[in-house]
All heavy atoms as atom14 arrays in JSON, in Angstrom:
{
  "sequence": "FDRLKKLIENGKYNKEDLLNKMDIFLLCNRITNENYQELLKM",
  "atom14_mask": [
    [1, 1, 1, 1, 1, 1, 1, 1, 1, 1, 1, 0, 0, 0],
    [1, 1, 1, 1, 1, 1, 1, 1, 0, 0, 0, 0, 0, 0],
    [1, 1, 1, 1, 1, 1, 1, 1, 1, 1, 1, 0, 0, 0],
    [1, 1, 1, 1, 1, 1, 1, 1, 0, 0, 0, 0, 0, 0],
    [1, 1, 1, 1, 1, 1, 1, 1, 1, 0, 0, 0, 0, 0],
    [1, 1, 1, 1, 1, 1, 1, 1, 1, 0, 0, 0, 0, 0],
    [1, 1, 1, 1, 1, 1, 1, 1, 0, 0, 0, 0, 0, 0],
    [1, 1, 1, 1, 1, 1, 1, 1, 0, 0, 0, 0, 0, 0],
    [1, 1, 1, 1, 1, 1, 1, 1, 1, 0, 0, 0, 0, 0],
    [1, 1, 1, 1, 1, 1, 1, 1, 0, 0, 0, 0, 0, 0],
    [1, 1, 1, 1, 0, 0, 0, 0, 0, 0, 0, 0, 0, 0],
    [1, 1, 1, 1, 1, 1, 1, 1, 1, 0, 0, 0, 0, 0],
    [1, 1, 1, 1, 1, 1, 1, 1, 1, 1, 1, 1, 0, 0],
    [1, 1, 1, 1, 1, 1, 1, 1, 0, 0, 0, 0, 0, 0],
    [1, 1, 1, 1, 1, 1, 1, 1, 1, 0, 0, 0, 0, 0],
    [1, 1, 1, 1, 1, 1, 1, 1, 1, 0, 0, 0, 0, 0],
    [1, 1, 1, 1, 1, 1, 1, 1, 0, 0, 0, 0, 0, 0],
    [1, 1, 1, 1, 1, 1, 1, 1, 0, 0, 0, 0, 0, 0],
    [1, 1, 1, 1, 1, 1, 1, 1, 0, 0, 0, 0, 0, 0],
    [1, 1, 1, 1, 1, 1, 1, 1, 0, 0, 0, 0, 0, 0],
    [1, 1, 1, 1, 1, 1, 1, 1, 1, 0, 0, 0, 0, 0],
    [1, 1, 1, 1, 1, 1, 1, 1, 0, 0, 0, 0, 0, 0],
    [1, 1, 1, 1, 1, 1, 1, 1, 0, 0, 0, 0, 0, 0],
    [1, 1, 1, 1, 1, 1, 1, 1, 0, 0, 0, 0, 0, 0],
    [1, 1, 1, 1, 1, 1, 1, 1, 1, 1, 1, 0, 0, 0],
    [1, 1, 1, 1, 1, 1, 1, 1, 0, 0, 0, 0, 0, 0],
    [1, 1, 1, 1, 1, 1, 1, 1, 0, 0, 0, 0, 0, 0],
    [1, 1, 1, 1, 1, 1, 0, 0, 0, 0, 0, 0, 0, 0],
    [1, 1, 1, 1, 1, 1, 1, 1, 0, 0, 0, 0, 0, 0],
    [1, 1, 1, 1, 1, 1, 1, 1, 1, 1, 1, 0, 0, 0],
    [1, 1, 1, 1, 1, 1, 1, 1, 0, 0, 0, 0, 0, 0],
    [1, 1, 1, 1, 1, 1, 1, 0, 0, 0, 0, 0, 0, 0],
    [1, 1, 1, 1, 1, 1, 1, 1, 0, 0, 0, 0, 0, 0],
    [1, 1, 1, 1, 1, 1, 1, 1, 1, 0, 0, 0, 0, 0],
    [1, 1, 1, 1, 1, 1, 1, 1, 0, 0, 0, 0, 0, 0],
    [1, 1, 1, 1, 1, 1, 1, 1, 1, 1, 1, 1, 0, 0],
    [1, 1, 1, 1, 1, 1, 1, 1, 1, 0, 0, 0, 0, 0],
    [1, 1, 1, 1, 1, 1, 1, 1, 1, 0, 0, 0, 0, 0],
    [1, 1, 1, 1, 1, 1, 1, 1, 0, 0, 0, 0, 0, 0],
    [1, 1, 1, 1, 1, 1, 1, 1, 0, 0, 0, 0, 0, 0],
    [1, 1, 1, 1, 1, 1, 1, 1, 1, 0, 0, 0, 0, 0],
    [1, 1, 1, 1, 1, 1, 1, 1, 0, 0, 0, 0, 0, 0]
  ],
  "atom14_positions": [
    [[9.72, -20.72, 25.9], [8.77, -20.95, 27.0], [9.3, -21.67, 28.17], [9.02, -21.27, 29.3], [7.62, -21.86, 26.44], [6.63, -22.26, 27.42], [5.68, -21.46, 27.95], [6.53, -23.61, 27.74], [4.79, -21.79, 28.91], [5.62, -24.11, 28.74], [4.74, -23.21, 29.36], [0.0, 0.0, 0.0], [0.0, 0.0, 0.0], [0.0, 0.0, 0.0]],
    [[10.1, -22.67, 27.92], [10.79, -23.34, 29.1], [11.72, -22.5, 29.9], [11.74, -22.6, 31.14], [11.53, -24.62, 28.53], [10.75, -25.68, 27.89], [9.54, -25.86, 28.31], [11.15, -26.36, 26.92], [0.0, 0.0, 0.0], [0.0, 0.0, 0.0], [0.0, 0.0, 0.0], [0.0, 0.0, 0.0], [0.0, 0.0, 0.0], [0.0, 0.0, 0.0]],
    [[12.31, -21.66, 29.24], [13.26, -20.77, 30.0], [12.46, -19.69, 30.83], [12.77, -19.36, 32.03], [14.16, -19.97, 29.1], [15.26, -20.89, 28.51], [16.25, -20.12, 27.69], [17.23, -21.12, 27.15], [18.14, -20.88, 26.28], [18.21, -19.7, 25.8], [18.99, -21.82, 25.84], [0.0, 0.0, 0.0], [0.0, 0.0, 0.0], [0.0, 0.0, 0.0]],
    [[11.35, -19.18, 30.21], [10.45, -18.27, 31.0], [9.87, -18.96, 32.11], [9.79, -18.43, 33.21], [9.4, -17.72, 30.09], [9.98, -16.8, 29.0], [8.76, -16.51, 27.92], [10.43, -15.5, 29.54], [0.0, 0.0, 0.0], [0.0, 0.0, 0.0], [0.0, 0.0, 0.0], [0.0, 0.0, 0.0], [0.0, 0.0, 0.0], [0.0, 0.0, 0.0]],
    [[9.34, -20.18, 31.97], [8.78, -20.97, 32.98], [9.73, -21.15, 34.18], [9.36, -21.02, 35.24], [8.31, -22.27, 32.51], [7.39, -23.11, 33.39], [6.84, -24.29, 32.59], [5.95, -25.16, 33.55], [5.47, -26.3, 32.91], [0.0, 0.0, 0.0], [0.0, 0.0, 0.0], [0.0, 0.0, 0.0], [0.0, 0.0, 0.0], [0.0, 0.0, 0.0]],
    [[10.96, -21.55, 33.84], [12.0, -21.8, 34.9], [12.22, -20.33, 35.71], [12.3, -20.47, 36.87], [13.23, -22.24, 34.27], [14.24, -22.76, 35.33], [15.39, -23.52, 34.61], [15.93, -24.49, 35.59], [16.67, -25.55, 34.93], [0.0, 0.0, 0.0], [0.0, 0.0, 0.0], [0.0, 0.0, 0.0], [0.0, 0.0, 0.0], [0.0, 0.0, 0.0]],
    [[12.3, -19.29, 34.97], [12.52, -18.01, 35.65], [11.4, -17.77, 36.67], [11.59, -17.33, 37.83], [12.49, -16.85, 34.62], [13.72, -16.57, 33.98], [13.59, -15.48, 32.9], [14.84, -16.04, 34.91], [0.0, 0.0, 0.0], [0.0, 0.0, 0.0], [0.0, 0.0, 0.0], [0.0, 0.0, 0.0], [0.0, 0.0, 0.0], [0.0, 0.0, 0.0]],
    [[10.21, -18.02, 36.21], [8.99, -17.74, 37.14], [9.0, -18.73, 38.28], [8.79, -18.26, 39.45], [7.71, -17.85, 36.33], [7.63, -16.76, 35.26], [6.46, -17.76, 37.24], [6.52, -16.92, 34.27], [0.0, 0.0, 0.0], [0.0, 0.0, 0.0], [0.0, 0.0, 0.0], [0.0, 0.0, 0.0], [0.0, 0.0, 0.0], [0.0, 0.0, 0.0]],
    [[9.27, -20.04, 38.03], [9.32, -20.97, 39.04], [10.42, -20.63, 40.12], [10.18, -20.83, 41.28], [9.64, -22.46, 38.51], [8.48, -22.91, 37.76], [8.85, -24.24, 37.04], [10.09, -24.6, 36.95], [7.89, -24.93, 36.64], [0.0, 0.0, 0.0], [0.0, 0.0, 0.0], [0.0, 0.0, 0.0], [0.0, 0.0, 0.0], [0.0, 0.0, 0.0]],
    [[11.56, -20.09, 39.75], [12.6, -19.79, 40.64], [12.42, -18.31, 41.27], [13.13, -17.99, 42.15], [13.95, -19.74, 39.95], [14.34, -21.11, 39.52], [14.04, -22.07, 40.19], [15.11, -21.26, 38.43], [0.0, 0.0, 0.0], [0.0, 0.0, 0.0], [0.0, 0.0, 0.0], [0.0, 0.0, 0.0], [0.0, 0.0, 0.0], [0.0, 0.0, 0.0]],
    [[11.32, -17.64, 40.79], [11.1, -16.23, 41.31], [12.15, -15.21, 40.95], [12.25, -14.19, 41.67], [0.0, 0.0, 0.0], [0.0, 0.0, 0.0], [0.0, 0.0, 0.0], [0.0, 0.0, 0.0], [0.0, 0.0, 0.0], [0.0, 0.0, 0.0], [0.0, 0.0, 0.0], [0.0, 0.0, 0.0], [0.0, 0.0, 0.0], [0.0, 0.0, 0.0]],
    [[12.95, -15.48, 39.96], [14.08, -14.52, 39.65], [13.67, -13.65, 38.43], [14.21, -13.83, 37.4], [15.35, -15.3, 39.34], [15.82, -16.16, 40.47], [17.13, -16.84, 40.31], [17.52, -17.53, 41.44], [18.9, -18.06, 41.5], [0.0, 0.0, 0.0], [0.0, 0.0, 0.0], [0.0, 0.0, 0.0], [0.0, 0.0, 0.0], [0.0, 0.0, 0.0]],
    [[12.64, -12.78, 38.72], [12.24, -11.91, 37.59], [11.57, -10.66, 38.13], [11.1, -10.69, 39.29], [11.31, -12.64, 36.72], [10.01, -12.96, 37.41], [8.8, -12.19, 37.28], [9.84, -14.22, 38.13], [7.68, -12.47, 37.9], [8.71, -14.49, 38.75], [7.57, -13.66, 38.59], [6.42, -13.99, 39.25], [0.0, 0.0, 0.0], [0.0, 0.0, 0.0]],
    [[11.65, -9.64, 37.45], [10.89, -8.44, 37.72], [9.64, -8.49, 36.86], [9.72, -8.7, 35.63], [11.66, -7.18, 37.21], [10.87, -5.91, 37.44], [10.01, -5.74, 36.59], [11.22, -5.13, 38.41], [0.0, 0.0, 0.0], [0.0, 0.0, 0.0], [0.0, 0.0, 0.0], [0.0, 0.0, 0.0], [0.0, 0.0, 0.0], [0.0, 0.0, 0.0]],
    [[8.41, -8.44, 37.49], [7.2, -8.75, 36.91], [6.97, -7.89, 35.57], [6.64, -8.36, 34.56], [6.01, -8.58, 37.77], [4.68, -9.14, 37.24], [3.64, -9.06, 38.21], [2.29, -9.55, 37.57], [1.27, -9.72, 38.52], [0.0, 0.0, 0.0], [0.0, 0.0, 0.0], [0.0, 0.0, 0.0], [0.0, 0.0, 0.0], [0.0, 0.0, 0.0]],
    [[7.21, -6.53, 35.71], [6.83, -5.66, 34.59], [7.77, -5.9, 33.42], [7.4, -5.96, 32.31], [7.08, -4.23, 35.08], [6.7, -3.2, 34.03], [6.75, -1.73, 34.58], [6.62, -1.53, 35.83], [6.99, -0.85, 33.78], [0.0, 0.0, 0.0], [0.0, 0.0, 0.0], [0.0, 0.0, 0.0], [0.0, 0.0, 0.0], [0.0, 0.0, 0.0]],
    [[9.11, -6.19, 33.75], [10.04, -6.41, 32.73], [9.77, -7.82, 32.0], [9.77, -7.88, 30.76], [11.5, -6.61, 33.25], [12.03, -5.22, 33.71], [11.57, -4.15, 33.2], [13.01, -5.14, 34.49], [0.0, 0.0, 0.0], [0.0, 0.0, 0.0], [0.0, 0.0, 0.0], [0.0, 0.0, 0.0], [0.0, 0.0, 0.0], [0.0, 0.0, 0.0]],
    [[9.39, -8.78, 32.85], [9.04, -10.14, 32.08], [7.81, -10.0, 31.35], [7.77, -10.59, 30.26], [8.96, -11.22, 33.2], [8.9, -12.57, 32.67], [10.15, -12.94, 31.94], [8.83, -13.65, 33.82], [0.0, 0.0, 0.0], [0.0, 0.0, 0.0], [0.0, 0.0, 0.0], [0.0, 0.0, 0.0], [0.0, 0.0, 0.0], [0.0, 0.0, 0.0]],
    [[6.85, -9.29, 31.75], [5.6, -9.13, 30.97], [5.99, -8.5, 29.66], [5.36, -8.89, 28.58], [4.6, -8.3, 31.73], [3.83, -9.02, 32.72], [2.96, -8.04, 33.63], [3.02, -10.14, 32.28], [0.0, 0.0, 0.0], [0.0, 0.0, 0.0], [0.0, 0.0, 0.0], [0.0, 0.0, 0.0], [0.0, 0.0, 0.0], [0.0, 0.0, 0.0]],
    [[6.77, -7.46, 29.62], [7.19, -6.78, 28.4], [7.93, -7.73, 27.42], [7.72, -7.76, 26.28], [8.13, -5.58, 28.72], [7.3, -4.4, 29.28], [6.15, -4.16, 29.07], [8.02, -3.56, 30.03], [0.0, 0.0, 0.0], [0.0, 0.0, 0.0], [0.0, 0.0, 0.0], [0.0, 0.0, 0.0], [0.0, 0.0, 0.0], [0.0, 0.0, 0.0]],
    [[8.84, -8.54, 28.03], [9.48, -9.51, 27.16], [8.57, -10.6, 26.65], [8.65, -11.02, 25.47], [10.63, -10.24, 27.94], [11.71, -9.28, 28.24], [12.7, -9.89, 29.16], [13.79, -8.81, 29.58], [14.75, -9.33, 30.54], [0.0, 0.0, 0.0], [0.0, 0.0, 0.0], [0.0, 0.0, 0.0], [0.0, 0.0, 0.0], [0.0, 0.0, 0.0]],
    [[7.64, -11.07, 27.47], [6.62, -11.98, 27.08], [5.69, -11.46, 25.91], [5.4, -12.23, 24.93], [5.75, -12.44, 28.25], [6.45, -13.41, 29.2], [5.64, -13.72, 30.74], [3.88, -13.99, 30.24], [0.0, 0.0, 0.0], [0.0, 0.0, 0.0], [0.0, 0.0, 0.0], [0.0, 0.0, 0.0], [0.0, 0.0, 0.0], [0.0, 0.0, 0.0]],
    [[5.4, -10.22, 25.97], [4.61, -9.54, 24.91], [5.43, -9.55, 23.55], [4.78, -9.9, 22.54], [4.29, -8.05, 25.33], [3.27, -8.02, 26.37], [2.62, -8.96, 26.7], [3.16, -6.87, 26.95], [0.0, 0.0, 0.0], [0.0, 0.0, 0.0], [0.0, 0.0, 0.0], [0.0, 0.0, 0.0], [0.0, 0.0, 0.0], [0.0, 0.0, 0.0]],
    [[6.69, -9.33, 23.64], [7.52, -9.33, 22.43], [7.63, -10.75, 21.94], [7.53, -10.99, 20.73], [8.89, -8.69, 22.74], [8.66, -7.11, 23.03], [9.81, -8.95, 21.57], [9.87, -6.58, 23.59], [0.0, 0.0, 0.0], [0.0, 0.0, 0.0], [0.0, 0.0, 0.0], [0.0, 0.0, 0.0], [0.0, 0.0, 0.0], [0.0, 0.0, 0.0]],
    [[7.88, -11.73, 22.82], [8.0, -13.1, 22.38], [6.67, -13.61, 21.67], [6.7, -14.29, 20.76], [8.35, -13.99, 23.51], [9.69, -13.82, 24.04], [9.96, -13.99, 25.26], [10.79, -13.54, 23.22], [11.22, -13.74, 25.83], [12.11, -13.36, 23.67], [12.27, -13.44, 25.05], [0.0, 0.0, 0.0], [0.0, 0.0, 0.0], [0.0, 0.0, 0.0]],
    [[5.55, -13.07, 22.21], [4.28, -13.48, 21.76], [4.1, -12.9, 20.28], [3.7, -13.57, 19.29], [3.08, -13.11, 22.6], [1.71, -13.29, 22.15], [1.51, -14.9, 22.02], [0.68, -12.81, 23.13], [0.0, 0.0, 0.0], [0.0, 0.0, 0.0], [0.0, 0.0, 0.0], [0.0, 0.0, 0.0], [0.0, 0.0, 0.0], [0.0, 0.0, 0.0]],
    [[4.39, -11.61, 20.1], [4.29, -10.96, 18.86], [5.23, -11.54, 17.79], [4.88, -11.54, 16.66], [4.59, -9.47, 19.02], [3.52, -8.69, 19.77], [4.06, -7.21, 20.0], [2.31, -8.59, 18.97], [0.0, 0.0, 0.0], [0.0, 0.0, 0.0], [0.0, 0.0, 0.0], [0.0, 0.0, 0.0], [0.0, 0.0, 0.0], [0.0, 0.0, 0.0]],
    [[6.32, -12.09, 18.26], [7.39, -12.62, 17.25], [7.1, -14.09, 17.12], [8.01, -14.79, 16.57], [8.76, -12.31, 17.75], [9.21, -10.64, 17.77], [0.0, 0.0, 0.0], [0.0, 0.0, 0.0], [0.0, 0.0, 0.0], [0.0, 0.0, 0.0], [0.0, 0.0, 0.0], [0.0, 0.0, 0.0], [0.0, 0.0, 0.0], [0.0, 0.0, 0.0]],
    [[6.09, -14.6, 17.66], [5.73, -16.04, 17.51], [6.83, -16.97, 18.21], [6.99, -18.05, 17.79], [5.46, -16.45, 16.15], [4.27, -15.88, 15.53], [3.23, -15.75, 16.21], [4.39, -15.32, 14.38], [0.0, 0.0, 0.0], [0.0, 0.0, 0.0], [0.0, 0.0, 0.0], [0.0, 0.0, 0.0], [0.0, 0.0, 0.0], [0.0, 0.0, 0.0]],
    [[7.44, -16.44, 19.25], [8.41, -17.4, 19.99], [7.72, -18.17, 21.01], [8.21, -19.27, 21.42], [9.49, -16.48, 20.66], [10.35, -15.62, 19.71], [11.34, -16.38, 18.99], [12.27, -17.16, 19.8], [13.47, -16.76, 20.35], [13.92, -15.52, 20.08], [14.15, -17.56, 21.09], [0.0, 0.0, 0.0], [0.0, 0.0, 0.0], [0.0, 0.0, 0.0]],
    [[6.5, -17.7, 21.47], [5.63, -18.42, 22.31], [4.23, -18.41, 21.86], [3.82, -17.38, 21.06], [5.64, -17.93, 23.81], [5.23, -16.5, 23.93], [7.02, -18.16, 24.49], [5.1, -16.02, 25.44], [0.0, 0.0, 0.0], [0.0, 0.0, 0.0], [0.0, 0.0, 0.0], [0.0, 0.0, 0.0], [0.0, 0.0, 0.0], [0.0, 0.0, 0.0]],
    [[3.42, -19.3, 22.09], [2.04, -19.3, 21.6], [1.15, -18.54, 22.67], [1.58, -18.25, 23.77], [1.44, -20.77, 21.57], [1.4, -21.31, 22.92], [2.35, -21.57, 20.61], [0.0, 0.0, 0.0], [0.0, 0.0, 0.0], [0.0, 0.0, 0.0], [0.0, 0.0, 0.0], [0.0, 0.0, 0.0], [0.0, 0.0, 0.0], [0.0, 0.0, 0.0]],
    [[-0.04, -18.2, 22.24], [-0.99, -17.56, 23.14], [-1.29, -18.49, 24.37], [-1.44, -17.96, 25.43], [-2.3, -17.23, 22.4], [-3.2, -16.36, 23.23], [-2.74, -15.35, 23.82], [-4.51, -16.74, 23.33], [0.0, 0.0, 0.0], [0.0, 0.0, 0.0], [0.0, 0.0, 0.0], [0.0, 0.0, 0.0], [0.0, 0.0, 0.0], [0.0, 0.0, 0.0]],
    [[-1.29, -19.85, 24.18], [-1.53, -20.66, 25.3], [-0.44, -20.62, 26.3], [-0.65, -20.68, 27.51], [-1.8, -22.14, 24.8], [-3.08, -22.31, 24.01], [-3.02, -21.83, 22.56], [-1.88, -21.67, 22.01], [-4.08, -21.66, 22.0], [0.0, 0.0, 0.0], [0.0, 0.0, 0.0], [0.0, 0.0, 0.0], [0.0, 0.0, 0.0], [0.0, 0.0, 0.0]],
    [[0.8, -20.63, 25.73], [2.01, -20.4, 26.6], [1.93, -19.2, 27.39], [2.23, -19.14, 28.65], [3.31, -20.39, 25.77], [3.68, -21.71, 25.1], [4.27, -21.67, 24.0], [3.24, -22.84, 25.6], [0.0, 0.0, 0.0], [0.0, 0.0, 0.0], [0.0, 0.0, 0.0], [0.0, 0.0, 0.0], [0.0, 0.0, 0.0], [0.0, 0.0, 0.0]],
    [[1.65, -18.14, 26.7], [1.48, -16.78, 27.36], [0.57, -16.83, 28.51], [0.84, -16.35, 29.63], [1.06, -15.7, 26.28], [1.08, -14.3, 26.74], [2.22, -13.52, 26.68], [-0.1, -13.8, 27.29], [2.25, -12.26, 27.12], [-0.07, -12.42, 27.67], [1.02, -11.63, 27.61], [1.01, -10.37, 28.03], [0.0, 0.0, 0.0], [0.0, 0.0, 0.0]],
    [[-0.66, -17.41, 28.27], [-1.7, -17.5, 29.28], [-1.23, -18.35, 30.51], [-1.43, -17.98, 31.69], [-2.95, -18.01, 28.73], [-3.6, -17.12, 27.69], [-3.99, -15.83, 28.34], [-4.41, -15.66, 29.41], [-3.81, -14.76, 27.48], [0.0, 0.0, 0.0], [0.0, 0.0, 0.0], [0.0, 0.0, 0.0], [0.0, 0.0, 0.0], [0.0, 0.0, 0.0]],
    [[-0.47, -19.41, 30.21], [-0.01, -20.3, 31.28], [1.07, -19.54, 32.07], [1.04, -19.6, 33.38], [0.65, -21.54, 30.68], [1.17, -22.51, 31.77], [1.72, -23.79, 31.21], [1.32, -24.13, 29.98], [2.5, -24.44, 31.89], [0.0, 0.0, 0.0], [0.0, 0.0, 0.0], [0.0, 0.0, 0.0], [0.0, 0.0, 0.0], [0.0, 0.0, 0.0]],
    [[1.94, -18.75, 31.45], [2.95, -18.01, 32.25], [2.3, -16.93, 33.03], [2.72, -16.7, 34.22], [3.94, -17.43, 31.25], [4.77, -18.45, 30.46], [5.59, -17.84, 29.4], [5.8, -19.12, 31.43], [0.0, 0.0, 0.0], [0.0, 0.0, 0.0], [0.0, 0.0, 0.0], [0.0, 0.0, 0.0], [0.0, 0.0, 0.0], [0.0, 0.0, 0.0]],
    [[1.3, -16.3, 32.53], [0.55, -15.32, 33.25], [-0.09, -15.88, 34.57], [0.05, -15.34, 35.68], [-0.55, -14.62, 32.49], [-0.08, -13.56, 31.46], [-1.34, -13.09, 30.7], [0.62, -12.4, 32.13], [0.0, 0.0, 0.0], [0.0, 0.0, 0.0], [0.0, 0.0, 0.0], [0.0, 0.0, 0.0], [0.0, 0.0, 0.0], [0.0, 0.0, 0.0]],
    [[-0.67, -17.05, 34.47], [-1.2, -17.71, 35.6], [-0.13, -18.13, 36.66], [-0.42, -17.94, 37.82], [-2.01, -18.93, 35.16], [-3.28, -18.7, 34.45], [-4.05, -19.87, 33.97], [-5.22, -19.58, 33.22], [-5.87, -20.81, 32.71], [0.0, 0.0, 0.0], [0.0, 0.0, 0.0], [0.0, 0.0, 0.0], [0.0, 0.0, 0.0], [0.0, 0.0, 0.0]],
    [[0.96, -18.55, 36.17], [2.06, -18.89, 37.13], [2.58, -17.6, 37.82], [2.76, -17.66, 38.97], [3.29, -19.49, 36.33], [3.05, -20.87, 35.75], [4.39, -21.36, 34.81], [5.64, -21.61, 36.18], [0.0, 0.0, 0.0], [0.0, 0.0, 0.0], [0.0, 0.0, 0.0], [0.0, 0.0, 0.0], [0.0, 0.0, 0.0], [0.0, 0.0, 0.0]]
  ]
}
């Protein structure tokens, strides 16, 4: 979550690619649903 948050804060990401990765991290329980929602809002 911290690494994803830092990527978003720095603007160094492709939105579609990052969303796909976040989906996988959520499914594998690497991030929580709350983390996922927070990252989406960011």
